[in-house]
Amino acid sequence: MENKLQIISNQIRLKVLEIVAAKKIGHIGGTFSCVDLLVSMYYGGCLNYSDDNYPDKFILSKGHACLALYVILNDLGLITNEKLDSYGQDGGLGGQLDIGINGVDWNTGSLGHALGVCAGIAHSSKLLNKNYKAITILGDAECDEGSVWEAILHISDFKLTNLIAIVDRNRLSVTEVIKDNAVFKLLPVALPKLGWFYKEIDGHSFTEIISAIQESKIANKPSFIVANTIKGKGVSYMENELKWHHSVPTKEQLEIAYKELR
């Protein structure tokens, strides 16, 4: 299973590179850091997206990593090849997600809101006596937002046990390194006291990702998973480099990336 999912991840990274090279726009670094998380959900059985009546709801809060999700939705037949090819064009797929796209549950662009939206989704699931989950992938920089902490407290108070938050902890924002500051020192202490299931994992290990999400689903608590990742994962010269937040590779750089991912 690990090898199969790794092949899929590399294929997605290759397709993202091809699109960025062709369209001259995209956020490779933060996209590559969360590819393995997305693959675990959509191909590793962690996300129930195929239930016609009540599928799990997923929000990729860091919407600038949308290209990976577009490629996955295309591979799953949820968006067409023509739709995927419209990326970067007027009227086509944009650099953020919106609910006009099949398979997308929330408009992105302004960070810090997805966890609160997931709280509403999880609460409605309980009110309707349904079993669907609300799952989000947050960027680590947005965990500084006060709205994230307001949502954490709300989720705790209402015991929204059908909610899973995953942080893509790649330690790089647009311009700076995100150290183990007060927020990330507080999370493992505060969240269990607030009634959350909390776990830190290797965000590039499919075994750890899938196991953590499975644990979350049976914990009977809201769940918070910090996935330690590498920005630009998979291409040596992109890994842990701020420049690859939104740079476009040259022809020579593309050749190196294609070789490494293949």
Foldseek 3Di string as FASTA:
>chain_A
DQVVLLLVLLVLLLVLLVLCQVLVWAFNQVLSFQSSLVSCCPVVVLFQQPPPPAGAAEAAQPFLSVSSVLVVCCVVVQDDPVLNNCENPVVGDYSGDDPVGGPHDHTYDDHLCQLVVQLVVLVVCVVVVHQHAYEYEHEPVSLVDPSNVVSLLVCLVVQSLRYEYEYSPQQADLHDGNDCDPSVVCVVPPNVVSFEAEEEEASSRSVGSNVQSVCSSPVSGYYYYYHHTWGNPQQVVRTNDSVSRMGRDDPVSSVSSNVRSD
